[in-house]
Amino acid sequence: MKSLLLAAALIALSCTLGRGEDAKSIYQRECAKCHGADGKGDTKMGRNSGAKDYTDPRVQAAMKDEKAFRSIKDGLTEGDKVLMKPAADLSNGQIRKLVAYMRGFIKG
């Protein structure tokens, strides 16, 4: 019986650890310095790099998920200027979660 309980506890622990960091935490760590905690892009770095206002329905409508995914994964440049570095340390799943999280900034 003890080994069964231990096995169940280990499975539960591995499932919890497997989920990893949530999108909000990743956004706060990786994106908010430019895009702002509220997604408006109204930060000094955001204004300098031309970050878009993700609370604007028109911006959200124009932003396709695949393009957002690629922008995060590969970064953005304008000529020789790097506007956004690639998110090399994020998995594809984490990037998809970030895109979904950004969709939540849209105003009613």
PDB file of N, CA and C in Angstrom:
ATOM      1  N   MET A   1       0.820  -1.202   0.000  1.00  0.00           N
ATOM      2  CA  MET A   1       0.000   0.000   0.000  1.00  0.00           C
ATOM      3  C   MET A   1       0.863   1.266   0.000  1.00  0.00           C
ATOM      4  N   LYS A   2       1.947   1.239   0.812  1.00  0.00           N
ATOM      5  CA  LYS A   2       2.826   2.406   0.862  1.00  0.00           C
ATOM      6  C   LYS A   2       3.468   2.672  -0.492  1.00  0.00           C
ATOM      7  N   SER A   3       3.852   1.600  -1.193  1.00  0.00           N
ATOM      8  CA  SER A   3       4.489   1.800  -2.496  1.00  0.00           C
ATOM      9  C   SER A   3       3.494   2.348  -3.512  1.00  0.00           C
ATOM     10  N   LEU A   4       2.233   1.972  -3.375  1.00  0.00           N
ATOM     11  CA  LEU A   4       1.198   2.500  -4.266  1.00  0.00           C
ATOM     12  C   LEU A   4       0.991   3.995  -4.024  1.00  0.00           C
ATOM     13  N   LEU A   5       0.967   4.396  -2.755  1.00  0.00           N
ATOM     14  CA  LEU A   5       0.827   5.817  -2.422  1.00  0.00           C
ATOM     15  C   LEU A   5       2.046   6.607  -2.881  1.00  0.00           C
ATOM     16  N   LEU A   6       3.223   6.023  -2.700  1.00  0.00           N
ATOM     17  CA  LEU A   6       4.446   6.688  -3.151  1.00  0.00           C
ATOM     18  C   LEU A   6       4.439   6.861  -4.665  1.00  0.00           C
ATOM     19  N   ALA A   7       4.026   5.829  -5.381  1.00  0.00           N
ATOM     20  CA  ALA A   7       3.954   5.911  -6.842  1.00  0.00           C
ATOM     21  C   ALA A   7       2.967   6.992  -7.274  1.00  0.00           C
ATOM     22  N   ALA A   8       1.814   7.061  -6.617  1.00  0.00           N
ATOM     23  CA  ALA A   8       0.813   8.081  -6.943  1.00  0.00           C
ATOM     24  C   ALA A   8       1.357   9.482  -6.670  1.00  0.00           C
ATOM     25  N   ALA A   9       2.074   9.645  -5.574  1.00  0.00           N
ATOM     26  CA  ALA A   9       2.654  10.948  -5.242  1.00  0.00           C
ATOM     27  C   ALA A   9       3.708  11.351  -6.273  1.00  0.00           C
ATOM     28  N   LEU A  10       4.539  10.398  -6.701  1.00  0.00           N
ATOM     29  CA  LEU A  10       5.556  10.705  -7.707  1.00  0.00           C
ATOM     30  C   LEU A  10       4.937  11.074  -9.045  1.00  0.00           C
ATOM     31  N   ILE A  11       3.874  10.389  -9.420  1.00  0.00           N
ATOM     32  CA  ILE A  11       3.184  10.715 -10.673  1.00  0.00           C
ATOM     33  C   ILE A  11       2.589  12.122 -10.595  1.00  0.00           C
ATOM     34  N   ALA A  12       1.951  12.442  -9.473  1.00  0.00           N
ATOM     35  CA  ALA A  12       1.366  13.772  -9.301  1.00  0.00           C
ATOM     36  C   ALA A  12       2.442  14.847  -9.348  1.00  0.00           C
ATOM     37  N   LEU A  13       3.576  14.597  -8.700  1.00  0.00           N
ATOM     38  CA  LEU A  13       4.672  15.558  -8.703  1.00  0.00           C
ATOM     39  C   LEU A  13       5.229  15.752 -10.113  1.00  0.00           C
ATOM     40  N   SER A  14       5.418  14.666 -10.846  1.00  0.00           N
ATOM     41  CA  SER A  14       5.959  14.799 -12.199  1.00  0.00           C
ATOM     42  C   SER A  14       4.999  15.532 -13.115  1.00  0.00           C
ATOM     43  N   CYS A  15       3.693  15.345 -12.930  1.00  0.00           N
ATOM     44  CA  CYS A  15       2.716  16.082 -13.743  1.00  0.00           C
ATOM     45  C   CYS A  15       2.768  17.564 -13.435  1.00  0.00           C
ATOM     46  N   THR A  16       2.919  17.901 -12.162  1.00  0.00           N
ATOM     47  CA  THR A  16       2.998  19.304 -11.766  1.00  0.00           C
ATOM     48  C   THR A  16       4.260  19.941 -12.332  1.00  0.00           C
ATOM     49  N   LEU A  17       5.388  19.265 -12.221  1.00  0.00           N
ATOM     50  CA  LEU A  17       6.643  19.809 -12.744  1.00  0.00           C
ATOM     51  C   LEU A  17       6.624  19.894 -14.259  1.00  0.00           C
ATOM     52  N   GLY A  18       5.939  18.967 -14.928  1.00  0.00           N
ATOM     53  CA  GLY A  18       5.891  18.942 -16.377  1.00  0.00           C
ATOM     54  C   GLY A  18       5.138  20.112 -16.984  1.00  0.00           C
ATOM     55  N   ARG A  19       4.260  20.707 -16.205  1.00  0.00           N
ATOM     56  CA  ARG A  19       3.491  21.847 -16.731  1.00  0.00           C
ATOM     57  C   ARG A  19       4.378  23.041 -16.988  1.00  0.00           C
ATOM     58  N   GLY A  20       5.418  23.185 -16.185  1.00  0.00           N
ATOM     59  CA  GLY A  20       6.335  24.297 -16.369  1.00  0.00           C
ATOM     60  C   GLY A  20       5.728  25.622 -15.952  1.00  0.00           C
ATOM     61  N   GLU A  21       6.405  26.642 -16.329  1.00  0.00           N
ATOM     62  CA  GLU A  21       6.025  28.002 -15.982  1.00  0.00           C
ATOM     63  C   GLU A  21       4.809  28.441 -16.792  1.00  0.00           C
ATOM     64  N   ASP A  22       3.921  29.184 -16.174  1.00  0.00           N
ATOM     65  CA  ASP A  22       2.735  29.635 -16.893  1.00  0.00           C
ATOM     66  C   ASP A  22       3.055  30.833 -17.793  1.00  0.00           C
ATOM     67  N   ALA A  23       2.172  31.077 -18.740  1.00  0.00           N
ATOM     68  CA  ALA A  23       2.398  32.119 -19.749  1.00  0.00           C
ATOM     69  C   ALA A  23       2.536  33.505 -19.130  1.00  0.00           C
ATOM     70  N   LYS A  24       1.764  33.789 -18.092  1.00  0.00           N
ATOM     71  CA  LYS A  24       1.846  35.109 -17.458  1.00  0.00           C
ATOM     72  C   LYS A  24       3.238  35.350 -16.884  1.00  0.00           C
ATOM     73  N   SER A  25       3.797  34.352 -16.217  1.00  0.00           N
ATOM     74  CA  SER A  25       5.142  34.491 -15.648  1.00  0.00           C
ATOM     75  C   SER A  25       6.188  34.690 -16.739  1.00  0.00           C
ATOM     76  N   ILE A  26       6.057  33.929 -17.810  1.00  0.00           N
ATOM     77  CA  ILE A  26       6.993  34.065 -18.930  1.00  0.00           C
ATOM     78  C   ILE A  26       6.862  35.450 -19.543  1.00  0.00           C
ATOM     79  N   TYR A  27       5.626  35.902 -19.741  1.00  0.00           N
ATOM     80  CA  TYR A  27       5.391  37.235 -20.307  1.00  0.00           C
ATOM     81  C   TYR A  27       6.028  38.308 -19.428  1.00  0.00           C
ATOM     82  N   GLN A  28       5.790  38.216 -18.124  1.00  0.00           N
ATOM     83  CA  GLN A  28       6.334  39.227 -17.208  1.00  0.00           C
ATOM     84  C   GLN A  28       7.863  39.254 -17.281  1.00  0.00           C
ATOM     85  N   ARG A  29       8.475  38.089 -17.388  1.00  0.00           N
ATOM     86  CA  ARG A  29       9.934  37.991 -17.414  1.00  0.00           C
ATOM     87  C   ARG A  29      10.521  38.392 -18.768  1.00  0.00           C
ATOM     88  N   GLU A  30       9.893  37.973 -19.854  1.00  0.00           N
ATOM     89  CA  GLU A  30      10.489  38.116 -21.180  1.00  0.00           C
ATOM     90  C   GLU A  30       9.939  39.270 -22.016  1.00  0.00           C
ATOM     91  N   CYS A  31       8.704  39.665 -21.780  1.00  0.00           N
ATOM     92  CA  CYS A  31       8.025  40.567 -22.722  1.00  0.00           C
ATOM     93  C   CYS A  31       7.632  41.929 -22.141  1.00  0.00           C
ATOM     94  N   ALA A  32       7.321  41.961 -20.854  1.00  0.00           N
ATOM     95  CA  ALA A  32       6.731  43.163 -20.256  1.00  0.00           C
ATOM     96  C   ALA A  32       7.641  44.382 -20.310  1.00  0.00           C
ATOM     97  N   LYS A  33       8.955  44.175 -20.319  1.00  0.00           N
ATOM     98  CA  LYS A  33       9.850  45.342 -20.331  1.00  0.00           C
ATOM     99  C   LYS A  33       9.642  46.208 -21.576  1.00  0.00           C
ATOM    100  N   CYS A  34       9.208  45.599 -22.659  1.00  0.00           N
ATOM    101  CA  CYS A  34       8.909  46.361 -23.880  1.00  0.00           C
ATOM    102  C   CYS A  34       7.407  46.523 -24.087  1.00  0.00           C
ATOM    103  N   HIS A  35       6.689  45.424 -23.961  1.00  0.00           N
ATOM    104  CA  HIS A  35       5.259  45.433 -24.276  1.00  0.00           C
ATOM    105  C   HIS A  35       4.383  45.896 -23.123  1.00  0.00           C
ATOM    106  N   GLY A  36       4.973  46.072 -21.941  1.00  0.00           N
ATOM    107  CA  GLY A  36       4.229  46.533 -20.782  1.00  0.00           C
ATOM    108  C   GLY A  36       3.436  45.411 -20.140  1.00  0.00           C
ATOM    109  N   ALA A  37       3.247  45.506 -18.838  1.00  0.00           N
ATOM    110  CA  ALA A  37       2.490  44.488 -18.104  1.00  0.00           C
ATOM    111  C   ALA A  37       1.062  44.395 -18.610  1.00  0.00           C
ATOM    112  N   ASP A  38       0.549  45.497 -19.166  1.00  0.00           N
ATOM    113  CA  ASP A  38      -0.833  45.543 -19.651  1.00  0.00           C
ATOM    114  C   ASP A  38      -0.942  45.307 -21.161  1.00  0.00           C
ATOM    115  N   GLY A  39       0.180  45.111 -21.854  1.00  0.00           N
ATOM    116  CA  GLY A  39       0.167  44.831 -23.283  1.00  0.00           C
ATOM    117  C   GLY A  39       0.062  46.048 -24.182  1.00  0.00           C
ATOM    118  N   LYS A  40       0.103  47.234 -23.602  1.00  0.00           N
ATOM    119  CA  LYS A  40      -0.067  48.449 -24.407  1.00  0.00           C
ATOM    120  C   LYS A  40       1.206  48.889 -25.123  1.00  0.00           C
ATOM    121  N   GLY A  41       2.345  48.364 -24.740  1.00  0.00           N
ATOM    122  CA  GLY A  41       3.595  48.748 -25.386  1.00  0.00           C
ATOM    123  C   GLY A  41       4.056  50.135 -25.001  1.00  0.00           C
ATOM    124  N   ASP A  42       3.478  50.690 -23.958  1.00  0.00           N
ATOM    125  CA  ASP A  42       3.773  52.059 -23.549  1.00  0.00           C
ATOM    126  C   ASP A  42       4.868  52.077 -22.482  1.00  0.00           C
ATOM    127  N   THR A  43       6.017  51.544 -22.860  1.00  0.00           N
ATOM    128  CA  THR A  43       7.208  51.595 -22.016  1.00  0.00           C
ATOM    129  C   THR A  43       8.284  52.305 -22.819  1.00  0.00           C
ATOM    130  N   LYS A  44       9.340  52.723 -22.161  1.00  0.00           N
ATOM    131  CA  LYS A  44      10.413  53.407 -22.885  1.00  0.00           C
ATOM    132  C   LYS A  44      10.961  52.506 -23.987  1.00  0.00           C
ATOM    133  N   MET A  45      11.246  51.230 -23.649  1.00  0.00           N
ATOM    134  CA  MET A  45      11.768  50.305 -24.649  1.00  0.00           C
ATOM    135  C   MET A  45      10.728  50.011 -25.729  1.00  0.00           C
ATOM    136  N   GLY A  46       9.473  49.935 -25.328  1.00  0.00           N
ATOM    137  CA  GLY A  46       8.394  49.674 -26.285  1.00  0.00           C
ATOM    138  C   GLY A  46       8.232  50.806 -27.284  1.00  0.00           C
ATOM    139  N   ARG A  47       8.285  52.032 -26.786  1.00  0.00           N
ATOM    140  CA  ARG A  47       8.168  53.192 -27.683  1.00  0.00           C
ATOM    141  C   ARG A  47       9.366  53.259 -28.634  1.00  0.00           C
ATOM    142  N   ASN A  48      10.569  52.949 -28.123  1.00  0.00           N
ATOM    143  CA  ASN A  48      11.781  52.986 -28.962  1.00  0.00           C
ATOM    144  C   ASN A  48      11.771  51.912 -30.043  1.00  0.00           C
ATOM    145  N   SER A  49      11.123  50.783 -29.757  1.00  0.00           N
ATOM    146  CA  SER A  49      11.138  49.683 -30.736  1.00  0.00           C
ATOM    147  C   SER A  49       9.854  49.605 -31.562  1.00  0.00           C
ATOM    148  N   GLY A  50       8.878  50.447 -31.252  1.00  0.00           N
ATOM    149  CA  GLY A  50       7.629  50.440 -32.005  1.00  0.00           C
ATOM    150  C   GLY A  50       6.680  49.320 -31.603  1.00  0.00           C
ATOM    151  N   ALA A  51       6.731  48.912 -30.334  1.00  0.00           N
ATOM    152  CA  ALA A  51       5.839  47.845 -29.854  1.00  0.00           C
ATOM    153  C   ALA A  51       4.391  48.260 -30.047  1.00  0.00           C
ATOM    154  N   LYS A  52       3.584  47.324 -30.478  1.00  0.00           N
ATOM    155  CA  LYS A  52       2.175  47.594 -30.757  1.00  0.00           C
ATOM    156  C   LYS A  52       1.339  47.511 -29.482  1.00  0.00           C
ATOM    157  N   ASP A  53       0.169  48.145 -29.525  1.00  0.00           N
ATOM    158  CA  ASP A  53      -0.784  48.129 -28.414  1.00  0.00           C
ATOM    159  C   ASP A  53      -1.691  46.915 -28.572  1.00  0.00           C
ATOM    160  N   TYR A  54      -1.423  45.853 -27.812  1.00  0.00           N
ATOM    161  CA  TYR A  54      -2.192  44.613 -27.930  1.00  0.00           C
ATOM    162  C   TYR A  54      -3.555  44.684 -27.261  1.00  0.00           C
ATOM    163  N   THR A  55      -3.910  45.842 -26.699  1.00  0.00           N
ATOM    164  CA  THR A  55      -5.278  46.019 -26.195  1.00  0.00           C
ATOM    165  C   THR A  55      -6.191  46.555 -27.301  1.00  0.00           C
ATOM    166  N   ASP A  56      -5.611  46.954 -28.417  1.00  0.00           N
ATOM    167  CA  ASP A  56      -6.365  47.508 -29.545  1.00  0.00           C
ATOM    168  C   ASP A  56      -6.910  46.363 -30.413  1.00  0.00           C
ATOM    169  N   PRO A  57      -8.247  46.282 -30.561  1.00  0.00           N
ATOM    170  CA  PRO A  57      -8.844  45.207 -31.369  1.00  0.00           C
ATOM    171  C   PRO A  57      -8.324  45.161 -32.805  1.00  0.00           C
ATOM    172  N   ARG A  58      -8.002  46.316 -33.389  1.00  0.00           N
ATOM    173  CA  ARG A  58      -7.484  46.339 -34.762  1.00  0.00           C
ATOM    174  C   ARG A  58      -6.098  45.708 -34.844  1.00  0.00           C
ATOM    175  N   VAL A  59      -5.275  45.972 -33.855  1.00  0.00           N
ATOM    176  CA  VAL A  59      -3.938  45.370 -33.807  1.00  0.00           C
ATOM    177  C   VAL A  59      -4.076  43.856 -33.653  1.00  0.00           C
ATOM    178  N   GLN A  60      -4.968  43.438 -32.763  1.00  0.00           N
ATOM    179  CA  GLN A  60      -5.181  42.009 -32.542  1.00  0.00           C
ATOM    180  C   GLN A  60      -5.702  41.327 -33.812  1.00  0.00           C
ATOM    181  N   ALA A  61      -6.620  41.991 -34.517  1.00  0.00           N
ATOM    182  CA  ALA A  61      -7.188  41.406 -35.739  1.00  0.00           C
ATOM    183  C   ALA A  61      -6.121  41.258 -36.828  1.00  0.00           C
ATOM    184  N   ALA A  62      -5.205  42.208 -36.889  1.00  0.00           N
ATOM    185  CA  ALA A  62      -4.162  42.172 -37.907  1.00  0.00           C
ATOM    186  C   ALA A  62      -3.050  41.171 -37.566  1.00  0.00           C
ATOM    187  N   MET A  63      -2.935  40.824 -36.296  1.00  0.00           N
ATOM    188  CA  MET A  63      -1.872  39.916 -35.862  1.00  0.00           C
ATOM    189  C   MET A  63      -2.357  38.467 -35.952  1.00  0.00           C
ATOM    190  N   LYS A  64      -1.825  37.738 -36.874  1.00  0.00           N
ATOM    191  CA  LYS A  64      -2.154  36.316 -37.020  1.00  0.00           C
ATOM    192  C   LYS A  64      -1.283  35.498 -36.064  1.00  0.00           C
ATOM    193  N   ASP A  65      -1.831  34.413 -35.543  1.00  0.00           N
ATOM    194  CA  ASP A  65      -1.120  33.602 -34.568  1.00  0.00           C
ATOM    195  C   ASP A  65       0.234  33.118 -35.080  1.00  0.00           C
ATOM    196  N   GLU A  66       0.281  32.651 -36.325  1.00  0.00           N
ATOM    197  CA  GLU A  66       1.538  32.125 -36.868  1.00  0.00           C
ATOM    198  C   GLU A  66       2.600  33.222 -36.967  1.00  0.00           C
ATOM    199  N   LYS A  67       2.189  34.432 -37.358  1.00  0.00           N
ATOM    200  CA  LYS A  67       3.138  35.545 -37.443  1.00  0.00           C
ATOM    201  C   LYS A  67       3.638  35.924 -36.046  1.00  0.00           C
ATOM    202  N   ALA A  68       2.735  35.949 -35.072  1.00  0.00           N
ATOM    203  CA  ALA A  68       3.130  36.255 -33.696  1.00  0.00           C
ATOM    204  C   ALA A  68       4.104  35.193 -33.186  1.00  0.00           C
ATOM    205  N   PHE A  69       3.788  33.925 -33.467  1.00  0.00           N
ATOM    206  CA  PHE A  69       4.659  32.816 -33.067  1.00  0.00           C
ATOM    207  C   PHE A  69       6.056  32.996 -33.665  1.00  0.00           C
ATOM    208  N   ARG A  70       6.120  33.253 -34.962  1.00  0.00           N
ATOM    209  CA  ARG A  70       7.408  33.422 -35.656  1.00  0.00           C
ATOM    210  C   ARG A  70       8.169  34.624 -35.119  1.00  0.00           C
ATOM    211  N   SER A  71       7.453  35.719 -34.828  1.00  0.00           N
ATOM    212  CA  SER A  71       8.108  36.924 -34.303  1.00  0.00           C
ATOM    213  C   SER A  71       8.773  36.636 -32.967  1.00  0.00           C
ATOM    214  N   ILE A  72       8.092  35.873 -32.122  1.00  0.00           N
ATOM    215  CA  ILE A  72       8.655  35.528 -30.814  1.00  0.00           C
ATOM    216  C   ILE A  72       9.817  34.557 -30.997  1.00  0.00           C
ATOM    217  N   LYS A  73       9.613  33.539 -31.791  1.00  0.00           N
ATOM    218  CA  LYS A  73      10.637  32.491 -31.966  1.00  0.00           C
ATOM    219  C   LYS A  73      11.884  33.018 -32.671  1.00  0.00           C
ATOM    220  N   ASP A  74      11.699  33.761 -33.762  1.00  0.00           N
ATOM    221  CA  ASP A  74      12.813  34.199 -34.598  1.00  0.00           C
ATOM    222  C   ASP A  74      13.282  35.623 -34.306  1.00  0.00           C
ATOM    223  N   GLY A  75      12.490  36.393 -33.568  1.00  0.00           N
ATOM    224  CA  GLY A  75      12.816  37.791 -33.309  1.00  0.00           C
ATOM    225  C   GLY A  75      12.381  38.674 -34.468  1.00  0.00           C
ATOM    226  N   LEU A  76      12.585  39.961 -34.309  1.00  0.00           N
ATOM    227  CA  LEU A  76      12.213  40.933 -35.339  1.00  0.00           C
ATOM    228  C   LEU A  76      13.382  41.879 -35.592  1.00  0.00           C
ATOM    229  N   THR A  77      13.603  42.173 -36.851  1.00  0.00           N
ATOM    230  CA  THR A  77      14.630  43.145 -37.221  1.00  0.00           C
ATOM    231  C   THR A  77      14.040  44.135 -38.218  1.00  0.00           C
ATOM    232  N   GLU A  78      14.681  45.266 -38.280  1.00  0.00           N
ATOM    233  CA  GLU A  78      14.351  46.281 -39.280  1.00  0.00           C
ATOM    234  C   GLU A  78      15.685  46.737 -39.852  1.00  0.00           C
ATOM    235  N   GLY A  79      16.010  46.211 -41.022  1.00  0.00           N
ATOM    236  CA  GLY A  79      17.349  46.444 -41.570  1.00  0.00           C
ATOM    237  C   GLY A  79      18.361  45.770 -40.660  1.00  0.00           C
ATOM    238  N   ASP A  80      19.325  46.539 -40.171  1.00  0.00           N
ATOM    239  CA  ASP A  80      20.345  46.008 -39.260  1.00  0.00           C
ATOM    240  C   ASP A  80      19.935  46.140 -37.795  1.00  0.00           C
ATOM    241  N   LYS A  81      18.835  46.818 -37.541  1.00  0.00           N
ATOM    242  CA  LYS A  81      18.401  47.069 -36.162  1.00  0.00           C
ATOM    243  C   LYS A  81      17.558  45.897 -35.636  1.00  0.00           C
ATOM    244  N   VAL A  82      17.946  45.367 -34.495  1.00  0.00           N
ATOM    245  CA  VAL A  82      17.184  44.300 -33.848  1.00  0.00           C
ATOM    246  C   VAL A  82      16.087  44.950 -33.006  1.00  0.00           C
ATOM    247  N   LEU A  83      14.830  44.696 -33.392  1.00  0.00           N
ATOM    248  CA  LEU A  83      13.698  45.232 -32.645  1.00  0.00           C
ATOM    249  C   LEU A  83      13.304  44.311 -31.490  1.00  0.00           C
ATOM    250  N   MET A  84      13.460  42.999 -31.727  1.00  0.00           N
ATOM    251  CA  MET A  84      13.127  42.023 -30.697  1.00  0.00           C
ATOM    252  C   MET A  84      14.027  40.806 -30.898  1.00  0.00           C
ATOM    253  N   LYS A  85      14.708  40.418 -29.835  1.00  0.00           N
ATOM    254  CA  LYS A  85      15.593  39.252 -29.908  1.00  0.00           C
ATOM    255  C   LYS A  85      14.763  37.976 -29.977  1.00  0.00           C
ATOM    256  N   PRO A  86      15.297  36.937 -30.623  1.00  0.00           N
ATOM    257  CA  PRO A  86      14.591  35.654 -30.648  1.00  0.00           C
ATOM    258  C   PRO A  86      14.505  35.057 -29.241  1.00  0.00           C
ATOM    259  N   ALA A  87      13.426  34.360 -28.976  1.00  0.00           N
ATOM    260  CA  ALA A  87      13.231  33.709 -27.680  1.00  0.00           C
ATOM    261  C   ALA A  87      13.779  32.293 -27.753  1.00  0.00           C
ATOM    262  N   ALA A  88      15.083  32.186 -27.823  1.00  0.00           N
ATOM    263  CA  ALA A  88      15.740  30.898 -28.035  1.00  0.00           C
ATOM    264  C   ALA A  88      15.541  29.925 -26.880  1.00  0.00           C
ATOM    265  N   ASP A  89      15.285  30.437 -25.678  1.00  0.00           N
ATOM    266  CA  ASP A  89      15.159  29.550 -24.522  1.00  0.00           C
ATOM    267  C   ASP A  89      13.727  29.081 -24.274  1.00  0.00           C
ATOM    268  N   LEU A  90      12.784  29.481 -25.128  1.00  0.00           N
ATOM    269  CA  LEU A  90      11.384  29.069 -24.957  1.00  0.00           C
ATOM    270  C   LEU A  90      11.039  27.934 -25.913  1.00  0.00           C
ATOM    271  N   SER A  91      10.250  26.999 -25.418  1.00  0.00           N
ATOM    272  CA  SER A  91       9.790  25.899 -26.268  1.00  0.00           C
ATOM    273  C   SER A  91       8.657  26.389 -27.168  1.00  0.00           C
ATOM    274  N   ASN A  92       8.349  25.629 -28.188  1.00  0.00           N
ATOM    275  CA  ASN A  92       7.228  25.972 -29.065  1.00  0.00           C
ATOM    276  C   ASN A  92       5.932  26.048 -28.266  1.00  0.00           C
ATOM    277  N   GLY A  93       5.748  25.143 -27.311  1.00  0.00           N
ATOM    278  CA  GLY A  93       4.547  25.154 -26.472  1.00  0.00           C
ATOM    279  C   GLY A  93       4.457  26.421 -25.641  1.00  0.00           C
ATOM    280  N   GLN A  94       5.574  26.857 -25.082  1.00  0.00           N
ATOM    281  CA  GLN A  94       5.579  28.093 -24.296  1.00  0.00           C
ATOM    282  C   GLN A  94       5.261  29.294 -25.183  1.00  0.00           C
ATOM    283  N   ILE A  95       5.780  29.303 -26.396  1.00  0.00           N
ATOM    284  CA  ILE A  95       5.506  30.413 -27.309  1.00  0.00           C
ATOM    285  C   ILE A  95       4.028  30.437 -27.667  1.00  0.00           C
ATOM    286  N   ARG A  96       3.435  29.279 -27.933  1.00  0.00           N
ATOM    287  CA  ARG A  96       1.995  29.229 -28.225  1.00  0.00           C
ATOM    288  C   ARG A  96       1.183  29.756 -27.049  1.00  0.00           C
ATOM    289  N   LYS A  97       1.594  29.417 -25.835  1.00  0.00           N
ATOM    290  CA  LYS A  97       0.906  29.918 -24.641  1.00  0.00           C
ATOM    291  C   LYS A  97       1.053  31.433 -24.529  1.00  0.00           C
ATOM    292  N   LEU A  98       2.224  31.956 -24.894  1.00  0.00           N
ATOM    293  CA  LEU A  98       2.425  33.413 -24.883  1.00  0.00           C
ATOM    294  C   LEU A  98       1.498  34.108 -25.872  1.00  0.00           C
ATOM    295  N   VAL A  99       1.365  33.547 -27.059  1.00  0.00           N
ATOM    296  CA  VAL A  99       0.474  34.137 -28.070  1.00  0.00           C
ATOM    297  C   VAL A  99      -0.955  34.151 -27.531  1.00  0.00           C
ATOM    298  N   ALA A 100      -1.389  33.053 -26.934  1.00  0.00           N
ATOM    299  CA  ALA A 100      -2.746  32.992 -26.361  1.00  0.00           C
ATOM    300  C   ALA A 100      -2.883  34.013 -25.223  1.00  0.00           C
ATOM    301  N   TYR A 101      -1.850  34.157 -24.411  1.00  0.00           N
ATOM    302  CA  TYR A 101      -1.882  35.131 -23.314  1.00  0.00           C
ATOM    303  C   TYR A 101      -2.009  36.543 -23.863  1.00  0.00           C
ATOM    304  N   MET A 102      -1.259  36.848 -24.920  1.00  0.00           N
ATOM    305  CA  MET A 102      -1.327  38.177 -25.532  1.00  0.00           C
ATOM    306  C   MET A 102      -2.726  38.463 -26.080  1.00  0.00           C
ATOM    307  N   ARG A 103      -3.405  37.450 -26.549  1.00  0.00           N
ATOM    308  CA  ARG A 103      -4.782  37.629 -27.045  1.00  0.00           C
ATOM    309  C   ARG A 103      -5.691  38.122 -25.932  1.00  0.00           C
ATOM    310  N   GLY A 104      -5.360  37.823 -24.694  1.00  0.00           N
ATOM    311  CA  GLY A 104      -6.170  38.235 -23.569  1.00  0.00           C
ATOM    312  C   GLY A 104      -6.086  39.732 -23.248  1.00  0.00           C
ATOM    313  N   PHE A 105      -5.180  40.452 -23.879  1.00  0.00           N
ATOM    314  CA  PHE A 105      -5.040  41.894 -23.631  1.00  0.00           C
ATOM    315  C   PHE A 105      -6.115  42.713 -24.344  1.00  0.00           C
ATOM    316  N   ILE A 106      -6.779  42.141 -25.303  1.00  0.00           N
ATOM    317  CA  ILE A 106      -7.734  42.887 -26.134  1.00  0.00           C
ATOM    318  C   ILE A 106      -8.846  43.486 -25.272  1.00  0.00           C
ATOM    319  N   LYS A 107      -9.201  44.717 -25.587  1.00  0.00           N
ATOM    320  CA  LYS A 107     -10.287  45.401 -24.878  1.00  0.00           C
ATOM    321  C   LYS A 107     -11.618  44.896 -25.398  1.00  0.00           C
ATOM    322  N   GLY A 108     -12.559  44.711 -24.469  1.00  0.00           N
ATOM    323  CA  GLY A 108     -13.910  44.238 -24.756  1.00  0.00           C
ATOM    324  C   GLY A 108     -14.394  44.625 -26.054  1.00  0.00           C
TER     325      GLY A 108
END
